[in-house]
């Protein structure tokens, strides 16, 4: 089993230490939210961090749980909001962090529950988000999951998609392009203007892997030998480009 599989399996099945996951989540989320300030247990009044910023109104609150079920995440959400309100801590927006992969219907149920408290869920950070981050963060991969902290050069989902707020949405209207890419036996380069969806299109192909733009060649060769992706499904993303491309051999594509 490759480290990519081990990360995903551990996030889905391993018993996670709640305190370690909370520290891991706040550390990782602080890269996205520079104003994030962890709130230690005992004085948290139901939240795990505040996100301070220049905007008016109460700062978004971060609620973190190791639960992987909809019911568990919902209970954590309700418990946190009730505690905040009971302690007269104003809250209008929350950010949820958990190891679960929630589809749109499950997210909608949580949004509806938060709405009962007049609260908006600003963002979900779930299993795919943390798998992407832990692939690149050897320290927390080892501390949280007990896995090797050595660098990993490959990913099945490009980081900017895995960590996007839209990663759970299905690809629509690209069936013809997907069929063309999947059926081709030649080297292909996918081109287009930035933002038109090249990476998202290629990520929908079966068995594709993406190469980290800063991958060391020696480690990349080891990862490819171990993971053995189908030769026609190697995607490469380079700095300054927003493209993925399936290749007829272990070659790099660019848009």
C-alpha atoms as a PDB file:
ATOM      1  CA  UNK A   1       0.000   0.000   0.000  1.00  0.00           C
ATOM      2  CA  UNK A   2       1.360   3.421  -0.970  1.00  0.00           C
ATOM      3  CA  UNK A   3       1.506   6.310   1.509  1.00  0.00           C
ATOM      4  CA  UNK A   4      -1.365   8.036  -0.325  1.00  0.00           C
ATOM      5  CA  UNK A   5      -3.595   5.063   0.453  1.00  0.00           C
ATOM      6  CA  UNK A   6      -2.347   4.911   4.033  1.00  0.00           C
ATOM      7  CA  UNK A   7      -3.212   8.566   4.641  1.00  0.00           C
ATOM      8  CA  UNK A   8      -6.740   8.149   3.310  1.00  0.00           C
ATOM      9  CA  UNK A   9      -7.267   4.867   5.171  1.00  0.00           C
ATOM     10  CA  UNK A  10      -5.973   6.289   8.454  1.00  0.00           C
ATOM     11  CA  UNK A  11      -8.173   9.380   8.201  1.00  0.00           C
ATOM     12  CA  UNK A  12     -11.180   7.154   7.481  1.00  0.00           C
ATOM     13  CA  UNK A  13     -10.597   4.425  10.091  1.00  0.00           C
ATOM     14  CA  UNK A  14      -7.903   5.237  12.657  1.00  0.00           C
ATOM     15  CA  UNK A  15      -8.943   6.464  16.081  1.00  0.00           C
ATOM     16  CA  UNK A  16      -7.685  10.026  16.105  1.00  0.00           C
ATOM     17  CA  UNK A  17      -6.544  11.680  19.297  1.00  0.00           C
ATOM     18  CA  UNK A  18      -8.944  14.644  19.663  1.00  0.00           C
ATOM     19  CA  UNK A  19      -6.313  16.964  21.137  1.00  0.00           C
ATOM     20  CA  UNK A  20      -3.737  16.115  18.461  1.00  0.00           C
ATOM     21  CA  UNK A  21      -6.327  16.522  15.692  1.00  0.00           C
ATOM     22  CA  UNK A  22      -7.382  19.878  17.145  1.00  0.00           C
ATOM     23  CA  UNK A  23      -3.770  21.091  17.202  1.00  0.00           C
ATOM     24  CA  UNK A  24      -3.180  19.727  13.702  1.00  0.00           C
ATOM     25  CA  UNK A  25      -6.348  21.354  12.345  1.00  0.00           C
ATOM     26  CA  UNK A  26      -5.675  24.772  13.876  1.00  0.00           C
ATOM     27  CA  UNK A  27      -2.073  24.700  12.639  1.00  0.00           C
ATOM     28  CA  UNK A  28      -3.102  23.772   9.085  1.00  0.00           C
ATOM     29  CA  UNK A  29      -6.059  26.159   8.994  1.00  0.00           C
ATOM     30  CA  UNK A  30      -3.875  29.041  10.177  1.00  0.00           C
ATOM     31  CA  UNK A  31      -2.278  28.974   6.704  1.00  0.00           C
ATOM     32  CA  UNK A  32      -5.702  29.674   5.201  1.00  0.00           C
ATOM     33  CA  UNK A  33      -6.927  32.018   7.919  1.00  0.00           C
ATOM     34  CA  UNK A  34      -3.966  34.189   9.051  1.00  0.00           C
ATOM     35  CA  UNK A  35      -6.093  35.662  11.846  1.00  0.00           C
ATOM     36  CA  UNK A  36      -6.850  32.264  13.381  1.00  0.00           C
ATOM     37  CA  UNK A  37      -6.318  32.143  17.143  1.00  0.00           C
ATOM     38  CA  UNK A  38      -6.661  28.748  18.888  1.00  0.00           C
ATOM     39  CA  UNK A  39      -8.762  28.673  22.049  1.00  0.00           C
ATOM     40  CA  UNK A  40      -7.508  26.160  24.638  1.00  0.00           C
ATOM     41  CA  UNK A  41      -9.926  23.699  26.187  1.00  0.00           C
ATOM     42  CA  UNK A  42     -11.591  24.746  29.415  1.00  0.00           C
ATOM     43  CA  UNK A  43     -12.079  28.325  28.265  1.00  0.00           C
ATOM     44  CA  UNK A  44     -13.405  27.662  24.784  1.00  0.00           C
ATOM     45  CA  UNK A  45     -17.153  27.990  25.460  1.00  0.00           C
ATOM     46  CA  UNK A  46     -17.828  25.487  22.700  1.00  0.00           C
ATOM     47  CA  UNK A  47     -15.406  26.651  20.004  1.00  0.00           C
ATOM     48  CA  UNK A  48     -11.823  25.627  19.222  1.00  0.00           C
ATOM     49  CA  UNK A  49     -10.522  28.813  17.564  1.00  0.00           C
ATOM     50  CA  UNK A  50     -11.498  32.347  16.587  1.00  0.00           C
ATOM     51  CA  UNK A  51     -10.732  33.805  13.173  1.00  0.00           C
ATOM     52  CA  UNK A  52      -9.980  37.486  13.600  1.00  0.00           C
ATOM     53  CA  UNK A  53     -10.064  39.802  10.614  1.00  0.00           C
ATOM     54  CA  UNK A  54     -10.701  43.375   9.510  1.00  0.00           C
ATOM     55  CA  UNK A  55     -14.449  42.884   8.958  1.00  0.00           C
ATOM     56  CA  UNK A  56     -17.157  44.096  11.324  1.00  0.00           C
ATOM     57  CA  UNK A  57     -19.170  41.765  13.494  1.00  0.00           C
ATOM     58  CA  UNK A  58     -18.231  38.705  15.535  1.00  0.00           C
ATOM     59  CA  UNK A  59     -15.291  36.690  14.157  1.00  0.00           C
ATOM     60  CA  UNK A  60     -16.041  33.277  12.633  1.00  0.00           C
ATOM     61  CA  UNK A  61     -15.679  30.455  15.142  1.00  0.00           C
ATOM     62  CA  UNK A  62     -13.915  27.179  14.347  1.00  0.00           C
ATOM     63  CA  UNK A  63     -15.522  23.951  15.529  1.00  0.00           C
ATOM     64  CA  UNK A  64     -13.323  20.855  15.300  1.00  0.00           C
ATOM     65  CA  UNK A  65     -14.362  17.235  15.803  1.00  0.00           C
ATOM     66  CA  UNK A  66     -12.861  13.817  15.075  1.00  0.00           C
ATOM     67  CA  UNK A  67     -16.324  12.434  14.268  1.00  0.00           C
ATOM     68  CA  UNK A  68     -16.746  10.885  10.824  1.00  0.00           C
ATOM     69  CA  UNK A  69     -20.535  10.605  10.864  1.00  0.00           C
ATOM     70  CA  UNK A  70     -23.152  13.191   9.993  1.00  0.00           C
ATOM     71  CA  UNK A  71     -24.822  12.691  13.381  1.00  0.00           C
ATOM     72  CA  UNK A  72     -21.542  13.125  15.235  1.00  0.00           C
ATOM     73  CA  UNK A  73     -20.624  16.303  13.382  1.00  0.00           C
ATOM     74  CA  UNK A  74     -24.144  17.656  13.868  1.00  0.00           C
ATOM     75  CA  UNK A  75     -23.998  16.939  17.626  1.00  0.00           C
ATOM     76  CA  UNK A  76     -20.668  18.758  17.854  1.00  0.00           C
ATOM     77  CA  UNK A  77     -22.106  21.697  15.911  1.00  0.00           C
ATOM     78  CA  UNK A  78     -25.226  21.950  18.097  1.00  0.00           C
ATOM     79  CA  UNK A  79     -23.273  21.490  21.323  1.00  0.00           C
ATOM     80  CA  UNK A  80     -20.788  24.189  20.328  1.00  0.00           C
ATOM     81  CA  UNK A  81     -23.433  26.690  19.307  1.00  0.00           C
ATOM     82  CA  UNK A  82     -25.502  26.102  22.435  1.00  0.00           C
ATOM     83  CA  UNK A  83     -22.438  26.587  24.615  1.00  0.00           C
ATOM     84  CA  UNK A  84     -21.462  29.798  22.836  1.00  0.00           C
ATOM     85  CA  UNK A  85     -24.957  31.221  23.184  1.00  0.00           C
ATOM     86  CA  UNK A  86     -25.255  30.106  26.828  1.00  0.00           C
ATOM     87  CA  UNK A  87     -22.082  32.030  27.590  1.00  0.00           C
ATOM     88  CA  UNK A  88     -23.373  35.069  25.681  1.00  0.00           C
ATOM     89  CA  UNK A  89     -20.655  34.721  23.047  1.00  0.00           C
ATOM     90  CA  UNK A  90     -22.092  36.179  19.825  1.00  0.00           C
ATOM     91  CA  UNK A  91     -21.670  33.943  16.790  1.00  0.00           C
ATOM     92  CA  UNK A  92     -22.813  34.472  13.211  1.00  0.00           C
ATOM     93  CA  UNK A  93     -20.463  32.261  11.198  1.00  0.00           C
ATOM     94  CA  UNK A  94     -18.636  29.009  11.825  1.00  0.00           C
ATOM     95  CA  UNK A  95     -15.978  26.931  10.085  1.00  0.00           C
ATOM     96  CA  UNK A  96     -16.204  23.156  10.518  1.00  0.00           C
ATOM     97  CA  UNK A  97     -13.151  20.866  10.530  1.00  0.00           C
ATOM     98  CA  UNK A  98     -13.467  17.071  10.642  1.00  0.00           C
ATOM     99  CA  UNK A  99     -12.009  13.927   8.990  1.00  0.00           C
ATOM    100  CA  UNK A 100     -15.254  13.001   7.195  1.00  0.00           C
ATOM    101  CA  UNK A 101     -16.039  13.373   3.490  1.00  0.00           C
ATOM    102  CA  UNK A 102     -19.493  14.955   3.312  1.00  0.00           C
ATOM    103  CA  UNK A 103     -21.496  15.138   0.114  1.00  0.00           C
ATOM    104  CA  UNK A 104     -23.718  18.097  -0.718  1.00  0.00           C
ATOM    105  CA  UNK A 105     -26.938  16.685   0.850  1.00  0.00           C
ATOM    106  CA  UNK A 106     -25.143  16.104   4.166  1.00  0.00           C
ATOM    107  CA  UNK A 107     -23.626  19.569   4.079  1.00  0.00           C
ATOM    108  CA  UNK A 108     -27.062  21.013   3.393  1.00  0.00           C
ATOM    109  CA  UNK A 109     -28.429  19.266   6.494  1.00  0.00           C
ATOM    110  CA  UNK A 110     -25.700  20.789   8.631  1.00  0.00           C
ATOM    111  CA  UNK A 111     -26.301  24.208   7.093  1.00  0.00           C
ATOM    112  CA  UNK A 112     -29.994  23.869   7.896  1.00  0.00           C
ATOM    113  CA  UNK A 113     -29.236  22.930  11.495  1.00  0.00           C
ATOM    114  CA  UNK A 114     -26.864  25.902  11.875  1.00  0.00           C
ATOM    115  CA  UNK A 115     -29.586  28.118  10.404  1.00  0.00           C
ATOM    116  CA  UNK A 116     -31.825  27.220  13.332  1.00  0.00           C
ATOM    117  CA  UNK A 117     -29.347  29.200  15.444  1.00  0.00           C
ATOM    118  CA  UNK A 118     -29.154  32.018  12.847  1.00  0.00           C
ATOM    119  CA  UNK A 119     -25.622  30.902  12.057  1.00  0.00           C
ATOM    120  CA  UNK A 120     -23.998  30.397   8.655  1.00  0.00           C
ATOM    121  CA  UNK A 121     -21.425  27.676   7.968  1.00  0.00           C
ATOM    122  CA  UNK A 122     -18.709  29.575   6.158  1.00  0.00           C
ATOM    123  CA  UNK A 123     -16.583  26.567   5.174  1.00  0.00           C
ATOM    124  CA  UNK A 124     -16.241  22.798   5.524  1.00  0.00           C
ATOM    125  CA  UNK A 125     -12.763  21.285   5.831  1.00  0.00           C
ATOM    126  CA  UNK A 126     -13.095  17.512   5.643  1.00  0.00           C
ATOM    127  CA  UNK A 127     -11.272  14.305   4.847  1.00  0.00           C
ATOM    128  CA  UNK A 128     -10.095  15.154   1.347  1.00  0.00           C
ATOM    129  CA  UNK A 129      -8.835  18.541   2.515  1.00  0.00           C
ATOM    130  CA  UNK A 130      -6.813  17.009   5.351  1.00  0.00           C
ATOM    131  CA  UNK A 131      -5.539  14.150   3.159  1.00  0.00           C
ATOM    132  CA  UNK A 132      -4.182  16.734   0.714  1.00  0.00           C
ATOM    133  CA  UNK A 133      -2.575  18.779   3.469  1.00  0.00           C
ATOM    134  CA  UNK A 134      -1.113  15.767   5.270  1.00  0.00           C
ATOM    135  CA  UNK A 135       0.402  14.530   2.018  1.00  0.00           C
ATOM    136  CA  UNK A 136       2.546  17.676   2.084  1.00  0.00           C
ATOM    137  CA  UNK A 137       2.998  17.985   5.849  1.00  0.00           C
ATOM    138  CA  UNK A 138       5.233  15.222   7.132  1.00  0.00           C
ATOM    139  CA  UNK A 139       5.230  16.454  10.736  1.00  0.00           C
ATOM    140  CA  UNK A 140       1.470  16.204  11.236  1.00  0.00           C
ATOM    141  CA  UNK A 141       1.233  13.064   9.096  1.00  0.00           C
ATOM    142  CA  UNK A 142       3.513  11.369  11.599  1.00  0.00           C
ATOM    143  CA  UNK A 143       2.097  13.007  14.740  1.00  0.00           C
ATOM    144  CA  UNK A 144      -1.576  12.460  13.890  1.00  0.00           C
ATOM    145  CA  UNK A 145      -1.579   9.256  11.854  1.00  0.00           C
ATOM    146  CA  UNK A 146       1.667   7.591  12.896  1.00  0.00           C
ATOM    147  CA  UNK A 147       2.852   7.428   9.280  1.00  0.00           C
ATOM    148  CA  UNK A 148       6.219   8.242   7.782  1.00  0.00           C
ATOM    149  CA  UNK A 149       7.037  11.921   7.527  1.00  0.00           C
ATOM    150  CA  UNK A 150       9.090  11.467   4.349  1.00  0.00           C
ATOM    151  CA  UNK A 151       8.054  13.670   1.383  1.00  0.00           C
ATOM    152  CA  UNK A 152       5.398  12.362  -1.029  1.00  0.00           C
ATOM    153  CA  UNK A 153       5.531  13.597  -4.630  1.00  0.00           C
ATOM    154  CA  UNK A 154       2.212  12.282  -5.989  1.00  0.00           C
ATOM    155  CA  UNK A 155      -1.453  12.977  -5.310  1.00  0.00           C
ATOM    156  CA  UNK A 156      -4.667  11.615  -6.801  1.00  0.00           C
ATOM    157  CA  UNK A 157      -6.386  14.990  -6.529  1.00  0.00           C
ATOM    158  CA  UNK A 158      -4.456  18.241  -7.118  1.00  0.00           C
ATOM    159  CA  UNK A 159      -4.109  20.221  -3.916  1.00  0.00           C
ATOM    160  CA  UNK A 160      -5.932  23.328  -5.126  1.00  0.00           C
ATOM    161  CA  UNK A 161      -8.964  21.163  -5.974  1.00  0.00           C
ATOM    162  CA  UNK A 162      -8.822  18.953  -2.866  1.00  0.00           C
ATOM    163  CA  UNK A 163      -8.620  22.036  -0.654  1.00  0.00           C
ATOM    164  CA  UNK A 164     -11.245  24.036  -2.542  1.00  0.00           C
ATOM    165  CA  UNK A 165     -14.683  24.827  -1.162  1.00  0.00           C
ATOM    166  CA  UNK A 166     -16.075  23.312  -4.391  1.00  0.00           C
ATOM    167  CA  UNK A 167     -14.232  19.969  -4.325  1.00  0.00           C
ATOM    168  CA  UNK A 168     -17.421  18.034  -3.477  1.00  0.00           C
ATOM    169  CA  UNK A 169     -19.338  19.280  -6.523  1.00  0.00           C
ATOM    170  CA  UNK A 170     -19.662  16.875  -9.499  1.00  0.00           C
ATOM    171  CA  UNK A 171     -18.237  17.646 -12.938  1.00  0.00           C
ATOM    172  CA  UNK A 172     -21.104  18.497 -15.303  1.00  0.00           C
ATOM    173  CA  UNK A 173     -21.205  18.946 -19.071  1.00  0.00           C
ATOM    174  CA  UNK A 174     -17.794  17.496 -19.881  1.00  0.00           C
ATOM    175  CA  UNK A 175     -18.772  13.927 -20.814  1.00  0.00           C
ATOM    176  CA  UNK A 176     -17.556  14.261 -24.413  1.00  0.00           C
ATOM    177  CA  UNK A 177     -14.173  15.668 -23.402  1.00  0.00           C
ATOM    178  CA  UNK A 178     -13.729  12.978 -20.744  1.00  0.00           C
ATOM    179  CA  UNK A 179     -14.566  10.236 -23.231  1.00  0.00           C
ATOM    180  CA  UNK A 180     -12.047  11.653 -25.719  1.00  0.00           C
ATOM    181  CA  UNK A 181      -9.279  11.792 -23.111  1.00  0.00           C
ATOM    182  CA  UNK A 182     -10.027   8.329 -21.726  1.00  0.00           C
ATOM    183  CA  UNK A 183     -10.152   6.712 -25.170  1.00  0.00           C
ATOM    184  CA  UNK A 184      -6.943   8.238 -26.511  1.00  0.00           C
ATOM    185  CA  UNK A 185      -3.819   6.115 -26.852  1.00  0.00           C
ATOM    186  CA  UNK A 186      -1.633   9.116 -27.711  1.00  0.00           C
ATOM    187  CA  UNK A 187       0.165  11.722 -25.645  1.00  0.00           C
ATOM    188  CA  UNK A 188      -2.191  14.623 -25.023  1.00  0.00           C
ATOM    189  CA  UNK A 189      -1.781  18.200 -23.852  1.00  0.00           C
ATOM    190  CA  UNK A 190      -4.829  19.928 -22.366  1.00  0.00           C
ATOM    191  CA  UNK A 191      -4.730  23.664 -23.011  1.00  0.00           C
ATOM    192  CA  UNK A 192      -6.988  26.607 -22.319  1.00  0.00           C
ATOM    193  CA  UNK A 193      -7.248  29.913 -20.542  1.00  0.00           C
ATOM    194  CA  UNK A 194      -6.629  29.966 -16.777  1.00  0.00           C
ATOM    195  CA  UNK A 195      -9.723  29.047 -14.825  1.00  0.00           C
ATOM    196  CA  UNK A 196     -11.674  27.249 -17.558  1.00  0.00           C
ATOM    197  CA  UNK A 197     -11.403  23.910 -15.737  1.00  0.00           C
ATOM    198  CA  UNK A 198      -8.470  22.012 -17.248  1.00  0.00           C
ATOM    199  CA  UNK A 199      -7.301  20.563 -13.952  1.00  0.00           C
ATOM    200  CA  UNK A 200     -10.838  19.739 -12.850  1.00  0.00           C
ATOM    201  CA  UNK A 201     -11.443  17.943 -16.151  1.00  0.00           C
ATOM    202  CA  UNK A 202      -8.302  15.834 -15.980  1.00  0.00           C
ATOM    203  CA  UNK A 203      -8.854  15.052 -12.282  1.00  0.00           C
ATOM    204  CA  UNK A 204     -12.101  13.296 -13.240  1.00  0.00           C
ATOM    205  CA  UNK A 205     -10.215  10.628 -15.198  1.00  0.00           C
ATOM    206  CA  UNK A 206      -9.831   7.223 -13.581  1.00  0.00           C
ATOM    207  CA  UNK A 207      -6.472   6.286 -12.008  1.00  0.00           C
ATOM    208  CA  UNK A 208      -4.790   9.597 -12.715  1.00  0.00           C
ATOM    209  CA  UNK A 209      -2.115  10.948 -10.379  1.00  0.00           C
ATOM    210  CA  UNK A 210      -0.671  14.464 -10.222  1.00  0.00           C
ATOM    211  CA  UNK A 211       2.975  15.273  -9.661  1.00  0.00           C
ATOM    212  CA  UNK A 212       3.894  17.887  -7.087  1.00  0.00           C
ATOM    213  CA  UNK A 213       5.454  20.879  -8.806  1.00  0.00           C
ATOM    214  CA  UNK A 214       8.438  20.791  -6.408  1.00  0.00           C
ATOM    215  CA  UNK A 215       8.932  17.023  -6.586  1.00  0.00           C
ATOM    216  CA  UNK A 216      12.479  15.734  -6.281  1.00  0.00           C
ATOM    217  CA  UNK A 217      13.229  13.447  -9.239  1.00  0.00           C
ATOM    218  CA  UNK A 218      14.655  10.637  -7.124  1.00  0.00           C
ATOM    219  CA  UNK A 219      11.668  10.518  -4.806  1.00  0.00           C
ATOM    220  CA  UNK A 220       9.278  10.874  -7.757  1.00  0.00           C
ATOM    221  CA  UNK A 221      10.787   7.799  -9.415  1.00  0.00           C
ATOM    222  CA  UNK A 222      10.391   5.813  -6.185  1.00  0.00           C
ATOM    223  CA  UNK A 223       6.754   6.891  -5.784  1.00  0.00           C
ATOM    224  CA  UNK A 224       5.928   6.012  -9.393  1.00  0.00           C
ATOM    225  CA  UNK A 225       7.501   2.565  -9.049  1.00  0.00           C
ATOM    226  CA  UNK A 226       5.519   1.957  -5.879  1.00  0.00           C
ATOM    227  CA  UNK A 227       2.141   3.385  -6.927  1.00  0.00           C
ATOM    228  CA  UNK A 228       2.354   2.232 -10.561  1.00  0.00           C
ATOM    229  CA  UNK A 229      -0.349   4.466 -12.068  1.00  0.00           C
ATOM    230  CA  UNK A 230      -1.597   3.593 -15.543  1.00  0.00           C
ATOM    231  CA  UNK A 231       1.026   5.010 -17.974  1.00  0.00           C
ATOM    232  CA  UNK A 232      -1.625   7.078 -19.794  1.00  0.00           C
ATOM    233  CA  UNK A 233      -2.689   8.830 -16.614  1.00  0.00           C
ATOM    234  CA  UNK A 234       0.166  10.900 -15.247  1.00  0.00           C
ATOM    235  CA  UNK A 235      -0.646  14.573 -14.754  1.00  0.00           C
ATOM    236  CA  UNK A 236       1.908  17.292 -14.148  1.00  0.00           C
ATOM    237  CA  UNK A 237       1.188  20.783 -12.884  1.00  0.00           C
ATOM    238  CA  UNK A 238       3.861  23.461 -13.071  1.00  0.00           C
ATOM    239  CA  UNK A 239       4.161  26.813 -11.405  1.00  0.00           C
ATOM    240  CA  UNK A 240       2.392  29.471 -13.428  1.00  0.00           C
ATOM    241  CA  UNK A 241       0.088  26.979 -15.148  1.00  0.00           C
ATOM    242  CA  UNK A 242      -3.375  25.722 -14.236  1.00  0.00           C
ATOM    243  CA  UNK A 243      -3.497  22.582 -16.314  1.00  0.00           C
ATOM    244  CA  UNK A 244      -3.334  18.849 -15.958  1.00  0.00           C
ATOM    245  CA  UNK A 245      -2.647  16.439 -18.737  1.00  0.00           C
ATOM    246  CA  UNK A 246      -2.790  12.744 -19.244  1.00  0.00           C
ATOM    247  CA  UNK A 247       0.333  11.506 -20.940  1.00  0.00           C
ATOM    248  CA  UNK A 248       1.130   8.440 -23.001  1.00  0.00           C
ATOM    249  CA  UNK A 249       4.139   7.709 -20.790  1.00  0.00           C
ATOM    250  CA  UNK A 250       5.704   9.151 -17.657  1.00  0.00           C
ATOM    251  CA  UNK A 251       6.015  12.573 -19.275  1.00  0.00           C
ATOM    252  CA  UNK A 252       4.952  15.962 -17.976  1.00  0.00           C
ATOM    253  CA  UNK A 253       2.055  17.830 -19.528  1.00  0.00           C
ATOM    254  CA  UNK A 254       1.364  21.525 -19.284  1.00  0.00           C
ATOM    255  CA  UNK A 255      -1.311  24.004 -20.298  1.00  0.00           C
END
